[in-house]
Amino acid sequence: MISTVTEKTNKHDGMVVVAESEAPHAERLVYVLDDEIKVLEVIELQLNAAGYSVVTYTNSSEFLEKIDDLLPGVVVSDQCMPGATGLKVQERLLKFSSKFQLILLSGYPETKVAVEAMRRGAVTVLDKPYNHEQLLASLDDAFDALARAVLDDEGLPAILPDGTLYLDLLSRRERQVADLVYKGETNKSIGIQLGISIKTVEKHRGKAMKKMAVNSFAELIRLMERELGASSR
């Protein structure tokens, strides 16, 4: 039996007190992040009724502090929150692509935010107030994506012999670009920091991905996570 979680809201410190309980469907675990307690209560009731186990957080920073120890699941996050915004949460989730998938909620629809979230791999971006059926359909897609991501981990390039890292194959500039991509920086931001054009950033990023034998942004992030973790041990 796999343990999952239930929760009670502590309104005094803006976080959720989490207690463990047993449940047979830990693969249907949803983390909901929103600073509005009433919104959390509504989403929790709806998702519980649909068969999901739900953990709610009114403080996104609290979620991020615990992220290493949490069970895999889908994260439904509001975009505009005190502390870490939804996009900031997504930056951290990029390092855990086989553990979490993201659905972003936004009460202030902005094309730029939606495009950026989707570019980084969000399952979808839903407007608030959200459509209940649309949220449920998005959760189905998210859990399908999570299952594929777990399998995709086995598709990363083989570990190189003699402790060599794929990162060691990169030129100095390619490594600079790769490191900034890993940190969640946009091509425009990388160009400004390095004093080069966006096209040059894209060129170095493409070369880095080719040398590292990855075909997507998500694979690049996962491979860098693997290699940076190995080098720190």
C-alpha atoms as a PDB file:
ATOM      1  CA  MET A   1       0.000   0.000   0.000  1.00  0.00           C
ATOM      2  CA  ILE A   2       1.391   3.376  -0.972  1.00  0.00           C
ATOM      3  CA  SER A   3       0.999   6.269   1.447  1.00  0.00           C
ATOM      4  CA  THR A   4      -0.464   9.520   0.251  1.00  0.00           C
ATOM      5  CA  VAL A   5      -1.636  12.607   2.112  1.00  0.00           C
ATOM      6  CA  THR A   6      -4.574  14.508   3.478  1.00  0.00           C
ATOM      7  CA  GLU A   7      -4.398  18.040   4.762  1.00  0.00           C
ATOM      8  CA  LYS A   8      -5.820  20.681   7.074  1.00  0.00           C
ATOM      9  CA  THR A   9      -5.349  24.385   6.513  1.00  0.00           C
ATOM     10  CA  ASN A  10      -3.585  26.376   9.224  1.00  0.00           C
ATOM     11  CA  LYS A  11      -4.816  29.931   8.609  1.00  0.00           C
ATOM     12  CA  HIS A  12      -2.349  31.418  11.080  1.00  0.00           C
ATOM     13  CA  ASP A  13       0.853  30.763   9.159  1.00  0.00           C
ATOM     14  CA  GLY A  14      -0.434  30.453   5.587  1.00  0.00           C
ATOM     15  CA  MET A  15       0.679  26.876   5.063  1.00  0.00           C
ATOM     16  CA  VAL A  16      -0.852  23.428   5.064  1.00  0.00           C
ATOM     17  CA  VAL A  17      -0.324  20.895   7.821  1.00  0.00           C
ATOM     18  CA  VAL A  18       0.187  17.560   6.099  1.00  0.00           C
ATOM     19  CA  ALA A  19      -0.605  14.200   7.640  1.00  0.00           C
ATOM     20  CA  GLU A  20      -0.066  10.819   5.998  1.00  0.00           C
ATOM     21  CA  SER A  21      -2.797   8.289   5.316  1.00  0.00           C
ATOM     22  CA  GLU A  22      -3.023   5.171   3.218  1.00  0.00           C
ATOM     23  CA  ALA A  23      -4.580   5.213  -0.240  1.00  0.00           C
ATOM     24  CA  PRO A  24      -4.309   2.890  -3.251  1.00  0.00           C
ATOM     25  CA  HIS A  25      -4.094   5.667  -5.873  1.00  0.00           C
ATOM     26  CA  ALA A  26      -0.954   7.680  -5.067  1.00  0.00           C
ATOM     27  CA  GLU A  27      -0.426   8.061  -8.799  1.00  0.00           C
ATOM     28  CA  ARG A  28      -3.480  10.354  -8.732  1.00  0.00           C
ATOM     29  CA  LEU A  29      -1.949  12.810  -6.277  1.00  0.00           C
ATOM     30  CA  VAL A  30      -2.558  16.505  -7.009  1.00  0.00           C
ATOM     31  CA  TYR A  31      -0.774  19.429  -5.341  1.00  0.00           C
ATOM     32  CA  VAL A  32      -2.794  22.663  -5.490  1.00  0.00           C
ATOM     33  CA  LEU A  33      -1.056  25.999  -4.870  1.00  0.00           C
ATOM     34  CA  ASP A  34      -3.132  29.150  -4.366  1.00  0.00           C
ATOM     35  CA  ASP A  35      -3.032  31.919  -1.775  1.00  0.00           C
ATOM     36  CA  GLU A  36      -6.857  32.072  -1.638  1.00  0.00           C
ATOM     37  CA  ILE A  37      -8.131  29.528   0.897  1.00  0.00           C
ATOM     38  CA  LYS A  38     -11.662  29.467  -0.547  1.00  0.00           C
ATOM     39  CA  VAL A  39     -10.269  28.584  -3.986  1.00  0.00           C
ATOM     40  CA  LEU A  40      -8.254  25.756  -2.454  1.00  0.00           C
ATOM     41  CA  GLU A  41     -11.299  24.409  -0.639  1.00  0.00           C
ATOM     42  CA  VAL A  42     -13.403  24.381  -3.818  1.00  0.00           C
ATOM     43  CA  ILE A  43     -10.714  22.675  -5.908  1.00  0.00           C
ATOM     44  CA  GLU A  44     -10.061  20.130  -3.166  1.00  0.00           C
ATOM     45  CA  LEU A  45     -13.740  19.186  -2.936  1.00  0.00           C
ATOM     46  CA  GLN A  46     -14.075  18.871  -6.705  1.00  0.00           C
ATOM     47  CA  LEU A  47     -10.942  16.779  -7.131  1.00  0.00           C
ATOM     48  CA  ASN A  48     -11.693  14.542  -4.153  1.00  0.00           C
ATOM     49  CA  ALA A  49     -15.102  13.853  -5.707  1.00  0.00           C
ATOM     50  CA  ALA A  50     -13.349  12.912  -8.956  1.00  0.00           C
ATOM     51  CA  GLY A  51     -11.131  10.387  -7.145  1.00  0.00           C
ATOM     52  CA  TYR A  52      -7.939  12.394  -6.686  1.00  0.00           C
ATOM     53  CA  SER A  53      -5.893  12.723  -3.511  1.00  0.00           C
ATOM     54  CA  VAL A  54      -5.202  16.408  -2.901  1.00  0.00           C
ATOM     55  CA  VAL A  55      -2.598  18.384  -0.968  1.00  0.00           C
ATOM     56  CA  THR A  56      -3.108  22.142  -0.798  1.00  0.00           C
ATOM     57  CA  TYR A  57      -0.649  24.948  -0.127  1.00  0.00           C
ATOM     58  CA  THR A  58      -1.437  28.620   0.411  1.00  0.00           C
ATOM     59  CA  ASN A  59       2.302  29.313   0.283  1.00  0.00           C
ATOM     60  CA  SER A  60       4.154  28.264  -2.870  1.00  0.00           C
ATOM     61  CA  SER A  61       7.525  28.687  -1.153  1.00  0.00           C
ATOM     62  CA  GLU A  62       6.490  26.069   1.409  1.00  0.00           C
ATOM     63  CA  PHE A  63       5.759  23.637  -1.428  1.00  0.00           C
ATOM     64  CA  LEU A  64       9.158  24.315  -3.006  1.00  0.00           C
ATOM     65  CA  GLU A  65      10.951  23.745   0.288  1.00  0.00           C
ATOM     66  CA  LYS A  66       9.427  20.263   0.503  1.00  0.00           C
ATOM     67  CA  ILE A  67       9.674  19.359  -3.173  1.00  0.00           C
ATOM     68  CA  ASP A  68      12.574  16.907  -2.815  1.00  0.00           C
ATOM     69  CA  ASP A  69      10.601  14.726  -0.409  1.00  0.00           C
ATOM     70  CA  LEU A  70       7.160  14.825  -2.041  1.00  0.00           C
ATOM     71  CA  LEU A  71       5.541  11.926  -3.869  1.00  0.00           C
ATOM     72  CA  PRO A  72       5.111  12.257  -7.653  1.00  0.00           C
ATOM     73  CA  GLY A  73       1.985  14.008  -8.858  1.00  0.00           C
ATOM     74  CA  VAL A  74       0.447  16.854 -10.811  1.00  0.00           C
ATOM     75  CA  VAL A  75       0.860  20.443  -9.612  1.00  0.00           C
ATOM     76  CA  VAL A  76      -2.029  22.862 -10.172  1.00  0.00           C
ATOM     77  CA  SER A  77      -0.607  26.290  -9.440  1.00  0.00           C
ATOM     78  CA  ASP A  78      -1.964  29.814  -9.512  1.00  0.00           C
ATOM     79  CA  GLN A  79       0.283  32.230 -11.409  1.00  0.00           C
ATOM     80  CA  CYS A  80      -0.055  35.317  -9.198  1.00  0.00           C
ATOM     81  CA  MET A  81       0.959  34.463  -5.627  1.00  0.00           C
ATOM     82  CA  PRO A  82       3.092  36.106  -2.947  1.00  0.00           C
ATOM     83  CA  GLY A  83       6.609  34.695  -2.974  1.00  0.00           C
ATOM     84  CA  ALA A  84       7.112  32.330  -5.884  1.00  0.00           C
ATOM     85  CA  THR A  85       4.815  32.884  -8.878  1.00  0.00           C
ATOM     86  CA  GLY A  86       3.501  29.995 -10.943  1.00  0.00           C
ATOM     87  CA  LEU A  87       6.320  30.449 -13.471  1.00  0.00           C
ATOM     88  CA  LYS A  88       8.891  30.421 -10.659  1.00  0.00           C
ATOM     89  CA  VAL A  89       7.385  27.174  -9.397  1.00  0.00           C
ATOM     90  CA  GLN A  90       7.663  25.799 -12.916  1.00  0.00           C
ATOM     91  CA  GLU A  91      11.373  26.666 -13.047  1.00  0.00           C
ATOM     92  CA  ARG A  92      11.938  24.333 -10.110  1.00  0.00           C
ATOM     93  CA  LEU A  93       9.688  21.641 -11.529  1.00  0.00           C
ATOM     94  CA  LEU A  94      11.799  21.471 -14.699  1.00  0.00           C
ATOM     95  CA  LYS A  95      14.387  19.574 -12.680  1.00  0.00           C
ATOM     96  CA  PHE A  96      11.759  17.000 -11.693  1.00  0.00           C
ATOM     97  CA  SER A  97      10.073  16.339 -15.033  1.00  0.00           C
ATOM     98  CA  SER A  98       9.650  12.618 -14.338  1.00  0.00           C
ATOM     99  CA  LYS A  99       8.108  13.410 -10.922  1.00  0.00           C
ATOM    100  CA  PHE A 100       5.778  16.366 -11.514  1.00  0.00           C
ATOM    101  CA  GLN A 101       3.651  17.871 -14.282  1.00  0.00           C
ATOM    102  CA  LEU A 102       2.188  21.386 -14.129  1.00  0.00           C
ATOM    103  CA  ILE A 103      -1.191  22.948 -14.862  1.00  0.00           C
ATOM    104  CA  LEU A 104      -1.045  26.738 -14.497  1.00  0.00           C
ATOM    105  CA  LEU A 105      -4.064  28.833 -13.460  1.00  0.00           C
ATOM    106  CA  SER A 106      -4.159  32.553 -14.157  1.00  0.00           C
ATOM    107  CA  GLY A 107      -6.777  35.120 -13.188  1.00  0.00           C
ATOM    108  CA  TYR A 108      -5.038  37.709 -15.359  1.00  0.00           C
ATOM    109  CA  PRO A 109      -4.610  36.097 -18.786  1.00  0.00           C
ATOM    110  CA  GLU A 110      -1.386  37.211 -20.415  1.00  0.00           C
ATOM    111  CA  THR A 111      -0.279  35.750 -23.720  1.00  0.00           C
ATOM    112  CA  LYS A 112       3.374  36.107 -22.716  1.00  0.00           C
ATOM    113  CA  VAL A 113       2.866  34.093 -19.520  1.00  0.00           C
ATOM    114  CA  ALA A 114       0.914  31.368 -21.302  1.00  0.00           C
ATOM    115  CA  VAL A 115       3.470  31.060 -24.096  1.00  0.00           C
ATOM    116  CA  GLU A 116       6.362  30.888 -21.646  1.00  0.00           C
ATOM    117  CA  ALA A 117       4.628  28.285 -19.478  1.00  0.00           C
ATOM    118  CA  MET A 118       3.799  26.087 -22.476  1.00  0.00           C
ATOM    119  CA  ARG A 119       7.312  26.481 -23.890  1.00  0.00           C
ATOM    120  CA  ARG A 120       8.703  25.147 -20.649  1.00  0.00           C
ATOM    121  CA  GLY A 121       6.414  22.138 -20.734  1.00  0.00           C
ATOM    122  CA  ALA A 122       3.235  23.040 -18.821  1.00  0.00           C
ATOM    123  CA  VAL A 123       0.379  20.689 -19.686  1.00  0.00           C
ATOM    124  CA  THR A 124      -1.919  23.677 -20.144  1.00  0.00           C
ATOM    125  CA  VAL A 125      -2.724  27.173 -18.882  1.00  0.00           C
ATOM    126  CA  LEU A 126      -6.306  27.684 -17.669  1.00  0.00           C
ATOM    127  CA  ASP A 127      -8.031  31.010 -17.017  1.00  0.00           C
ATOM    128  CA  LYS A 128      -9.575  31.699 -13.607  1.00  0.00           C
ATOM    129  CA  PRO A 129     -12.357  31.148 -12.905  1.00  0.00           C
ATOM    130  CA  TYR A 130     -11.616  27.786 -14.515  1.00  0.00           C
ATOM    131  CA  ASN A 131     -14.062  25.399 -16.155  1.00  0.00           C
ATOM    132  CA  HIS A 132     -14.468  22.318 -13.947  1.00  0.00           C
ATOM    133  CA  GLU A 133     -14.670  19.825 -16.814  1.00  0.00           C
ATOM    134  CA  GLN A 134     -11.704  21.449 -18.523  1.00  0.00           C
ATOM    135  CA  LEU A 135      -9.630  21.076 -15.345  1.00  0.00           C
ATOM    136  CA  LEU A 136     -10.513  17.385 -15.061  1.00  0.00           C
ATOM    137  CA  ALA A 137      -9.633  16.805 -18.720  1.00  0.00           C
ATOM    138  CA  SER A 138      -6.336  18.624 -18.192  1.00  0.00           C
ATOM    139  CA  LEU A 139      -5.553  16.409 -15.203  1.00  0.00           C
ATOM    140  CA  ASP A 140      -6.080  13.325 -17.354  1.00  0.00           C
ATOM    141  CA  ASP A 141      -3.593  14.751 -19.857  1.00  0.00           C
ATOM    142  CA  ALA A 142      -1.170  15.630 -17.069  1.00  0.00           C
ATOM    143  CA  PHE A 143      -1.118  12.144 -15.582  1.00  0.00           C
ATOM    144  CA  ASP A 144      -0.641  10.668 -19.063  1.00  0.00           C
ATOM    145  CA  ALA A 145       2.315  13.051 -19.547  1.00  0.00           C
ATOM    146  CA  LEU A 146       3.714  12.064 -16.148  1.00  0.00           C
ATOM    147  CA  ALA A 147       3.586   8.383 -17.071  1.00  0.00           C
ATOM    148  CA  ARG A 148       5.398   9.083 -20.355  1.00  0.00           C
ATOM    149  CA  ALA A 149       8.031  11.186 -18.579  1.00  0.00           C
ATOM    150  CA  VAL A 150       8.861   8.304 -16.233  1.00  0.00           C
ATOM    151  CA  LEU A 151       9.422   6.030 -19.226  1.00  0.00           C
ATOM    152  CA  ASP A 152      11.368   8.731 -21.080  1.00  0.00           C
ATOM    153  CA  ASP A 153      13.963   8.841 -18.300  1.00  0.00           C
ATOM    154  CA  GLU A 154      15.199   5.515 -19.612  1.00  0.00           C
ATOM    155  CA  GLY A 155      15.650   7.146 -23.028  1.00  0.00           C
ATOM    156  CA  LEU A 156      18.318   9.623 -21.919  1.00  0.00           C
ATOM    157  CA  PRO A 157      21.792   9.135 -23.439  1.00  0.00           C
ATOM    158  CA  ALA A 158      23.907   6.424 -21.844  1.00  0.00           C
ATOM    159  CA  ILE A 159      26.363   7.449 -19.142  1.00  0.00           C
ATOM    160  CA  LEU A 160      29.778   8.093 -20.705  1.00  0.00           C
ATOM    161  CA  PRO A 161      32.765   5.958 -19.633  1.00  0.00           C
ATOM    162  CA  ASP A 162      35.543   7.005 -17.233  1.00  0.00           C
ATOM    163  CA  GLY A 163      33.363   9.567 -15.472  1.00  0.00           C
ATOM    164  CA  THR A 164      33.234  11.877 -18.502  1.00  0.00           C
ATOM    165  CA  LEU A 165      30.181  14.141 -18.619  1.00  0.00           C
ATOM    166  CA  TYR A 166      28.296  15.332 -21.680  1.00  0.00           C
ATOM    167  CA  LEU A 167      28.709  18.810 -20.224  1.00  0.00           C
ATOM    168  CA  ASP A 168      32.478  18.388 -20.633  1.00  0.00           C
ATOM    169  CA  LEU A 169      31.944  18.164 -24.390  1.00  0.00           C
ATOM    170  CA  LEU A 170      30.615  21.704 -24.601  1.00  0.00           C
ATOM    171  CA  SER A 171      32.585  24.804 -25.480  1.00  0.00           C
ATOM    172  CA  ARG A 172      32.811  27.541 -22.841  1.00  0.00           C
ATOM    173  CA  ARG A 173      30.027  29.566 -24.476  1.00  0.00           C
ATOM    174  CA  GLU A 174      27.811  26.515 -25.028  1.00  0.00           C
ATOM    175  CA  ARG A 175      28.180  25.611 -21.350  1.00  0.00           C
ATOM    176  CA  GLN A 176      27.300  29.167 -20.309  1.00  0.00           C
ATOM    177  CA  VAL A 177      24.142  29.035 -22.397  1.00  0.00           C
ATOM    178  CA  ALA A 178      23.239  25.540 -21.150  1.00  0.00           C
ATOM    179  CA  ASP A 179      23.697  26.583 -17.512  1.00  0.00           C
ATOM    180  CA  LEU A 180      21.428  29.603 -17.968  1.00  0.00           C
ATOM    181  CA  VAL A 181      18.803  27.510 -19.770  1.00  0.00           C
ATOM    182  CA  TYR A 182      18.930  25.092 -16.833  1.00  0.00           C
ATOM    183  CA  LYS A 183      18.266  27.996 -14.456  1.00  0.00           C
ATOM    184  CA  GLY A 184      15.108  28.839 -16.397  1.00  0.00           C
ATOM    185  CA  GLU A 185      16.362  31.931 -18.216  1.00  0.00           C
ATOM    186  CA  THR A 186      14.758  32.893 -21.528  1.00  0.00           C
ATOM    187  CA  ASN A 187      16.781  33.272 -24.749  1.00  0.00           C
ATOM    188  CA  LYS A 188      16.358  37.038 -24.474  1.00  0.00           C
ATOM    189  CA  SER A 189      17.619  37.092 -20.892  1.00  0.00           C
ATOM    190  CA  ILE A 190      20.566  34.851 -21.764  1.00  0.00           C
ATOM    191  CA  GLY A 191      21.480  37.133 -24.669  1.00  0.00           C
ATOM    192  CA  ILE A 192      21.465  40.195 -22.418  1.00  0.00           C
ATOM    193  CA  GLN A 193      23.571  38.510 -19.735  1.00  0.00           C
ATOM    194  CA  LEU A 194      26.146  37.207 -22.201  1.00  0.00           C
ATOM    195  CA  GLY A 195      26.086  40.207 -24.546  1.00  0.00           C
ATOM    196  CA  ILE A 196      25.053  38.202 -27.610  1.00  0.00           C
ATOM    197  CA  SER A 197      22.012  38.141 -29.897  1.00  0.00           C
ATOM    198  CA  ILE A 198      19.022  35.840 -29.443  1.00  0.00           C
ATOM    199  CA  LYS A 199      19.947  34.054 -32.686  1.00  0.00           C
ATOM    200  CA  THR A 200      23.432  33.408 -31.339  1.00  0.00           C
ATOM    201  CA  VAL A 201      21.916  32.050 -28.117  1.00  0.00           C
ATOM    202  CA  GLU A 202      19.737  29.686 -30.158  1.00  0.00           C
ATOM    203  CA  LYS A 203      22.759  28.611 -32.184  1.00  0.00           C
ATOM    204  CA  HIS A 204      24.823  27.757 -29.087  1.00  0.00           C
ATOM    205  CA  ARG A 205      21.843  26.048 -27.463  1.00  0.00           C
ATOM    206  CA  GLY A 206      21.310  23.915 -30.567  1.00  0.00           C
ATOM    207  CA  LYS A 207      24.966  22.900 -30.669  1.00  0.00           C
ATOM    208  CA  ALA A 208      24.908  22.056 -26.962  1.00  0.00           C
ATOM    209  CA  MET A 209      21.836  19.852 -27.394  1.00  0.00           C
ATOM    210  CA  LYS A 210      23.439  18.060 -30.330  1.00  0.00           C
ATOM    211  CA  LYS A 211      26.641  17.345 -28.381  1.00  0.00           C
ATOM    212  CA  MET A 212      24.598  16.149 -25.424  1.00  0.00           C
ATOM    213  CA  ALA A 213      22.483  13.871 -27.676  1.00  0.00           C
ATOM    214  CA  VAL A 214      19.119  15.271 -26.554  1.00  0.00           C
ATOM    215  CA  ASN A 215      16.205  16.287 -28.738  1.00  0.00           C
ATOM    216  CA  SER A 216      14.093  18.510 -26.524  1.00  0.00           C
ATOM    217  CA  PHE A 217      14.259  21.188 -23.869  1.00  0.00           C
ATOM    218  CA  ALA A 218      12.883  18.760 -21.261  1.00  0.00           C
ATOM    219  CA  GLU A 219      15.544  16.152 -22.102  1.00  0.00           C
ATOM    220  CA  LEU A 220      18.276  18.785 -21.818  1.00  0.00           C
ATOM    221  CA  ILE A 221      17.056  19.746 -18.342  1.00  0.00           C
ATOM    222  CA  ARG A 222      16.840  16.113 -17.201  1.00  0.00           C
ATOM    223  CA  LEU A 223      20.285  15.243 -18.535  1.00  0.00           C
ATOM    224  CA  MET A 224      21.832  18.291 -16.873  1.00  0.00           C
ATOM    225  CA  GLU A 225      20.104  17.376 -13.613  1.00  0.00           C
ATOM    226  CA  ARG A 226      21.600  13.880 -13.841  1.00  0.00           C
ATOM    227  CA  GLU A 227      25.086  15.103 -14.632  1.00  0.00           C
ATOM    228  CA  LEU A 228      25.160  17.967 -12.132  1.00  0.00           C
ATOM    229  CA  GLY A 229      23.903  15.566  -9.472  1.00  0.00           C
ATOM    230  CA  ALA A 230      26.626  13.065 -10.351  1.00  0.00           C
ATOM    231  CA  SER A 231      29.361  15.697 -10.280  1.00  0.00           C
ATOM    232  CA  SER A 232      28.322  16.887  -6.830  1.00  0.00           C
ATOM    233  CA  ARG A 233      28.569  13.436  -5.263  1.00  0.00           C
END
